[in-house]
Amino acid sequence: MLVVAPLLMMLAAAPSADAIGAARKAFAGCLSAQVQPSLDKKVPLGEFQGQLKTTCADKEATFRAAILAQDKADGMSDKDAQADADDQVSEYVDKIIGEYEEYNKPGT
């Protein structure tokens, strides 16, 4: 029984990690999918940022919830888990915004 308990705990943790990975992939994909159409339409940066928030809001919420659930399962405080989720979401959004700015530079 002692051998089975750790195995069960590992199996129980696996779906959470998979949930984070799937949510991360969906969120990143949603963000990336907004770049080319916005470039084609010559959408100003501020408007592009707003579009990311609205268009990818559901995928962001799923990603954020998966991070929070895993962090709390790992014993993180609510405050620290929220900060981690904020950081991870910001990293993806900042990366896409940076790419959008780079593609919009004159001569690119």
N, C-alpha and C. Protein backbone atom coordinates (compact mmCIF):
# COMPACT_ATOMS: atom_id res chain seq x y z
N MET A 1 0.82 -1.20 0.00
CA MET A 1 0.00 0.00 0.00
C MET A 1 0.86 1.26 0.00
N LEU A 2 2.00 1.22 0.68
CA LEU A 2 2.86 2.38 0.73
C LEU A 2 3.42 2.72 -0.64
N VAL A 3 3.64 1.76 -1.47
CA VAL A 3 4.14 2.00 -2.82
C VAL A 3 3.03 2.60 -3.69
N VAL A 4 1.82 2.18 -3.49
CA VAL A 4 0.70 2.63 -4.30
C VAL A 4 0.35 4.09 -4.00
N ALA A 5 0.44 4.51 -2.75
CA ALA A 5 0.07 5.88 -2.38
C ALA A 5 0.89 6.93 -3.12
N PRO A 6 2.23 6.83 -3.16
CA PRO A 6 3.00 7.82 -3.92
C PRO A 6 2.66 7.78 -5.42
N LEU A 7 2.42 6.60 -5.95
CA LEU A 7 2.07 6.48 -7.35
C LEU A 7 0.75 7.17 -7.63
N LEU A 8 -0.21 6.98 -6.76
CA LEU A 8 -1.51 7.63 -6.93
C LEU A 8 -1.38 9.14 -6.83
N MET A 9 -0.53 9.61 -5.94
CA MET A 9 -0.33 11.06 -5.82
C MET A 9 0.31 11.61 -7.09
N MET A 10 1.26 10.88 -7.67
CA MET A 10 1.89 11.34 -8.91
C MET A 10 0.87 11.36 -10.04
N LEU A 11 0.04 10.35 -10.11
CA LEU A 11 -0.98 10.30 -11.16
C LEU A 11 -2.01 11.40 -10.98
N ALA A 12 -2.32 11.72 -9.75
CA ALA A 12 -3.28 12.79 -9.49
C ALA A 12 -2.70 14.14 -9.89
N ALA A 13 -1.40 14.31 -9.75
CA ALA A 13 -0.76 15.58 -10.11
C ALA A 13 -0.60 15.72 -11.61
N ALA A 14 -0.49 14.63 -12.33
CA ALA A 14 -0.23 14.69 -13.77
C ALA A 14 -1.31 15.45 -14.54
N PRO A 15 -2.59 15.23 -14.29
CA PRO A 15 -3.58 15.99 -15.06
C PRO A 15 -3.45 17.50 -14.87
N SER A 16 -3.04 17.93 -13.69
CA SER A 16 -2.86 19.37 -13.46
C SER A 16 -1.75 19.92 -14.34
N ALA A 17 -0.65 19.19 -14.40
CA ALA A 17 0.45 19.62 -15.25
C ALA A 17 0.00 19.62 -16.71
N ASP A 18 -0.75 18.60 -17.09
CA ASP A 18 -1.28 18.54 -18.45
C ASP A 18 -2.26 19.68 -18.69
N ALA A 19 -3.03 20.00 -17.68
CA ALA A 19 -4.00 21.10 -17.81
C ALA A 19 -3.26 22.42 -18.02
N ILE A 20 -2.18 22.63 -17.31
CA ILE A 20 -1.40 23.85 -17.49
C ILE A 20 -0.79 23.88 -18.89
N GLY A 21 -0.22 22.77 -19.31
CA GLY A 21 0.39 22.72 -20.64
C GLY A 21 -0.62 22.97 -21.75
N ALA A 22 -1.77 22.34 -21.65
CA ALA A 22 -2.81 22.54 -22.67
C ALA A 22 -3.34 23.97 -22.65
N ALA A 23 -3.53 24.51 -21.46
CA ALA A 23 -4.03 25.89 -21.34
C ALA A 23 -2.99 26.88 -21.84
N ARG A 24 -1.73 26.62 -21.54
CA ARG A 24 -0.65 27.49 -22.00
C ARG A 24 -0.59 27.48 -23.53
N LYS A 25 -0.68 26.30 -24.11
CA LYS A 25 -0.62 26.17 -25.57
C LYS A 25 -1.80 26.89 -26.22
N ALA A 26 -2.99 26.73 -25.67
CA ALA A 26 -4.17 27.39 -26.23
C ALA A 26 -4.07 28.91 -26.12
N PHE A 27 -3.59 29.40 -24.98
CA PHE A 27 -3.45 30.84 -24.78
C PHE A 27 -2.40 31.41 -25.73
N ALA A 28 -1.24 30.77 -25.79
CA ALA A 28 -0.18 31.24 -26.68
C ALA A 28 -0.62 31.20 -28.14
N GLY A 29 -1.35 30.17 -28.50
CA GLY A 29 -1.86 30.06 -29.87
C GLY A 29 -2.84 31.16 -30.20
N CYS A 30 -3.70 31.47 -29.27
CA CYS A 30 -4.67 32.54 -29.47
C CYS A 30 -3.96 33.88 -29.66
N LEU A 31 -2.99 34.15 -28.81
CA LEU A 31 -2.24 35.40 -28.93
C LEU A 31 -1.53 35.49 -30.27
N SER A 32 -0.84 34.42 -30.64
CA SER A 32 -0.09 34.40 -31.90
C SER A 32 -0.99 34.58 -33.11
N ALA A 33 -2.18 34.02 -33.05
CA ALA A 33 -3.11 34.09 -34.17
C ALA A 33 -3.60 35.51 -34.44
N GLN A 34 -3.42 36.40 -33.49
CA GLN A 34 -3.90 37.78 -33.66
C GLN A 34 -2.91 38.66 -34.40
N VAL A 35 -1.65 38.25 -34.48
CA VAL A 35 -0.60 39.11 -35.01
C VAL A 35 -0.79 39.41 -36.50
N GLN A 36 -0.79 38.39 -37.34
CA GLN A 36 -0.81 38.64 -38.79
C GLN A 36 -2.07 39.37 -39.26
N PRO A 37 -3.26 38.97 -38.82
CA PRO A 37 -4.44 39.73 -39.25
C PRO A 37 -4.39 41.20 -38.82
N SER A 38 -3.84 41.45 -37.65
CA SER A 38 -3.73 42.84 -37.17
C SER A 38 -2.69 43.61 -37.95
N LEU A 39 -1.60 42.94 -38.32
CA LEU A 39 -0.59 43.58 -39.16
C LEU A 39 -1.18 43.92 -40.53
N ASP A 40 -1.94 42.98 -41.09
CA ASP A 40 -2.56 43.20 -42.40
C ASP A 40 -3.51 44.39 -42.39
N LYS A 41 -4.20 44.55 -41.26
CA LYS A 41 -5.17 45.65 -41.13
C LYS A 41 -4.52 46.93 -40.61
N LYS A 42 -3.21 46.86 -40.32
CA LYS A 42 -2.46 48.01 -39.78
C LYS A 42 -3.11 48.56 -38.51
N VAL A 43 -3.45 47.65 -37.62
CA VAL A 43 -4.08 48.01 -36.35
C VAL A 43 -3.06 48.70 -35.47
N PRO A 44 -3.38 49.87 -34.90
CA PRO A 44 -2.46 50.56 -33.98
C PRO A 44 -2.17 49.68 -32.75
N LEU A 45 -1.00 49.88 -32.16
CA LEU A 45 -0.56 49.06 -31.05
C LEU A 45 -1.57 49.02 -29.90
N GLY A 46 -2.09 50.17 -29.51
CA GLY A 46 -3.04 50.21 -28.40
C GLY A 46 -4.29 49.39 -28.70
N GLU A 47 -4.76 49.48 -29.91
CA GLU A 47 -5.94 48.71 -30.30
C GLU A 47 -5.61 47.21 -30.33
N PHE A 48 -4.42 46.89 -30.81
CA PHE A 48 -3.98 45.49 -30.83
C PHE A 48 -3.97 44.91 -29.42
N GLN A 49 -3.44 45.68 -28.47
CA GLN A 49 -3.40 45.22 -27.08
C GLN A 49 -4.81 44.96 -26.55
N GLY A 50 -5.73 45.85 -26.87
CA GLY A 50 -7.11 45.66 -26.46
C GLY A 50 -7.74 44.43 -27.08
N GLN A 51 -7.42 44.19 -28.35
CA GLN A 51 -7.96 43.01 -29.03
C GLN A 51 -7.45 41.73 -28.39
N LEU A 52 -6.19 41.73 -27.98
CA LEU A 52 -5.65 40.54 -27.31
C LEU A 52 -6.44 40.23 -26.05
N LYS A 53 -6.71 41.28 -25.28
CA LYS A 53 -7.44 41.10 -24.02
C LYS A 53 -8.82 40.50 -24.24
N THR A 54 -9.54 41.02 -25.24
CA THR A 54 -10.91 40.55 -25.45
C THR A 54 -10.96 39.22 -26.20
N THR A 55 -10.16 39.10 -27.25
CA THR A 55 -10.21 37.90 -28.08
C THR A 55 -9.71 36.67 -27.34
N CYS A 56 -8.72 36.82 -26.51
CA CYS A 56 -8.10 35.68 -25.83
C CYS A 56 -8.48 35.60 -24.35
N ALA A 57 -9.49 36.33 -23.94
CA ALA A 57 -9.86 36.39 -22.52
C ALA A 57 -10.23 35.01 -21.96
N ASP A 58 -10.97 34.23 -22.72
CA ASP A 58 -11.38 32.92 -22.21
C ASP A 58 -10.18 31.98 -22.05
N LYS A 59 -9.26 32.03 -22.99
CA LYS A 59 -8.08 31.18 -22.91
C LYS A 59 -7.13 31.66 -21.81
N GLU A 60 -7.07 32.97 -21.62
CA GLU A 60 -6.28 33.51 -20.51
C GLU A 60 -6.85 33.04 -19.18
N ALA A 61 -8.16 33.10 -19.04
CA ALA A 61 -8.81 32.69 -17.79
C ALA A 61 -8.55 31.22 -17.50
N THR A 62 -8.60 30.38 -18.52
CA THR A 62 -8.34 28.95 -18.35
C THR A 62 -6.89 28.72 -17.94
N PHE A 63 -5.96 29.41 -18.60
CA PHE A 63 -4.54 29.30 -18.28
C PHE A 63 -4.29 29.76 -16.84
N ARG A 64 -4.86 30.90 -16.50
CA ARG A 64 -4.69 31.45 -15.15
C ARG A 64 -5.25 30.49 -14.10
N ALA A 65 -6.42 29.92 -14.35
CA ALA A 65 -7.04 29.00 -13.40
C ALA A 65 -6.20 27.74 -13.21
N ALA A 66 -5.61 27.25 -14.29
CA ALA A 66 -4.77 26.05 -14.20
C ALA A 66 -3.52 26.34 -13.37
N ILE A 67 -2.92 27.50 -13.58
CA ILE A 67 -1.74 27.88 -12.80
C ILE A 67 -2.10 27.99 -11.33
N LEU A 68 -3.19 28.68 -11.04
CA LEU A 68 -3.61 28.86 -9.65
C LEU A 68 -3.87 27.52 -8.98
N ALA A 69 -4.56 26.64 -9.67
CA ALA A 69 -4.87 25.33 -9.09
C ALA A 69 -3.59 24.55 -8.78
N GLN A 70 -2.65 24.56 -9.71
CA GLN A 70 -1.40 23.83 -9.49
C GLN A 70 -0.58 24.46 -8.37
N ASP A 71 -0.49 25.78 -8.39
CA ASP A 71 0.29 26.46 -7.34
C ASP A 71 -0.30 26.21 -5.96
N LYS A 72 -1.60 26.26 -5.86
CA LYS A 72 -2.24 26.01 -4.56
C LYS A 72 -2.05 24.56 -4.14
N ALA A 73 -2.12 23.63 -5.10
CA ALA A 73 -1.88 22.22 -4.79
C ALA A 73 -0.45 22.00 -4.32
N ASP A 74 0.46 22.84 -4.81
CA ASP A 74 1.86 22.76 -4.39
C ASP A 74 2.12 23.49 -3.07
N GLY A 75 1.07 24.05 -2.47
CA GLY A 75 1.20 24.69 -1.16
C GLY A 75 1.49 26.18 -1.19
N MET A 76 1.37 26.79 -2.34
CA MET A 76 1.63 28.22 -2.46
C MET A 76 0.46 29.01 -1.86
N SER A 77 0.76 30.16 -1.29
CA SER A 77 -0.30 31.01 -0.76
C SER A 77 -1.12 31.59 -1.91
N ASP A 78 -2.32 32.05 -1.61
CA ASP A 78 -3.17 32.66 -2.65
C ASP A 78 -2.46 33.84 -3.30
N LYS A 79 -1.83 34.66 -2.48
CA LYS A 79 -1.14 35.85 -2.99
C LYS A 79 0.00 35.46 -3.93
N ASP A 80 0.82 34.50 -3.52
CA ASP A 80 1.94 34.07 -4.35
C ASP A 80 1.47 33.37 -5.62
N ALA A 81 0.41 32.58 -5.51
CA ALA A 81 -0.14 31.90 -6.69
C ALA A 81 -0.67 32.93 -7.69
N GLN A 82 -1.34 33.95 -7.19
CA GLN A 82 -1.86 35.00 -8.07
C GLN A 82 -0.72 35.75 -8.75
N ALA A 83 0.33 36.03 -8.00
CA ALA A 83 1.49 36.72 -8.57
C ALA A 83 2.15 35.86 -9.65
N ASP A 84 2.24 34.56 -9.40
CA ASP A 84 2.82 33.65 -10.40
C ASP A 84 1.97 33.63 -11.67
N ALA A 85 0.66 33.54 -11.51
CA ALA A 85 -0.24 33.54 -12.67
C ALA A 85 -0.11 34.85 -13.44
N ASP A 86 -0.08 35.96 -12.71
CA ASP A 86 0.07 37.28 -13.36
C ASP A 86 1.37 37.34 -14.16
N ASP A 87 2.45 36.84 -13.56
CA ASP A 87 3.75 36.87 -14.23
C ASP A 87 3.74 36.02 -15.50
N GLN A 88 3.19 34.83 -15.40
CA GLN A 88 3.19 33.94 -16.56
C GLN A 88 2.33 34.48 -17.69
N VAL A 89 1.17 35.02 -17.36
CA VAL A 89 0.30 35.61 -18.39
C VAL A 89 0.99 36.81 -19.02
N SER A 90 1.59 37.65 -18.19
CA SER A 90 2.28 38.85 -18.69
C SER A 90 3.42 38.50 -19.63
N GLU A 91 4.15 37.43 -19.31
CA GLU A 91 5.26 37.03 -20.18
C GLU A 91 4.77 36.74 -21.60
N TYR A 92 3.68 36.02 -21.72
CA TYR A 92 3.16 35.68 -23.04
C TYR A 92 2.62 36.92 -23.76
N VAL A 93 1.88 37.74 -23.05
CA VAL A 93 1.32 38.94 -23.67
C VAL A 93 2.44 39.89 -24.08
N ASP A 94 3.40 40.11 -23.20
CA ASP A 94 4.52 41.00 -23.51
C ASP A 94 5.32 40.52 -24.72
N LYS A 95 5.50 39.21 -24.83
CA LYS A 95 6.24 38.64 -25.96
C LYS A 95 5.51 38.94 -27.27
N ILE A 96 4.20 38.74 -27.30
CA ILE A 96 3.42 38.97 -28.53
C ILE A 96 3.40 40.46 -28.86
N ILE A 97 3.24 41.30 -27.86
CA ILE A 97 3.24 42.74 -28.10
C ILE A 97 4.61 43.18 -28.63
N GLY A 98 5.67 42.64 -28.07
CA GLY A 98 7.01 42.95 -28.56
C GLY A 98 7.20 42.54 -30.01
N GLU A 99 6.69 41.36 -30.35
CA GLU A 99 6.77 40.92 -31.75
C GLU A 99 5.96 41.85 -32.65
N TYR A 100 4.80 42.23 -32.19
CA TYR A 100 3.95 43.12 -33.00
C TYR A 100 4.64 44.46 -33.23
N GLU A 101 5.24 44.99 -32.18
CA GLU A 101 5.98 46.25 -32.31
C GLU A 101 7.14 46.10 -33.29
N GLU A 102 7.84 44.98 -33.20
CA GLU A 102 8.99 44.75 -34.08
C GLU A 102 8.55 44.66 -35.54
N TYR A 103 7.47 43.95 -35.80
CA TYR A 103 6.97 43.83 -37.17
C TYR A 103 6.46 45.15 -37.71
N ASN A 104 6.05 46.04 -36.83
CA ASN A 104 5.52 47.35 -37.26
C ASN A 104 6.59 48.41 -37.46
N LYS A 105 7.84 48.09 -37.12
CA LYS A 105 8.91 49.07 -37.30
C LYS A 105 9.10 49.35 -38.78
N PRO A 106 9.40 50.60 -39.11
CA PRO A 106 9.65 50.92 -40.51
C PRO A 106 10.81 50.09 -41.06
N GLY A 107 10.61 49.58 -42.27
CA GLY A 107 11.64 48.82 -42.92
C GLY A 107 11.60 47.33 -42.64
N THR A 108 10.60 46.87 -41.83
CA THR A 108 10.51 45.43 -41.58
C THR A 108 9.32 44.84 -42.28
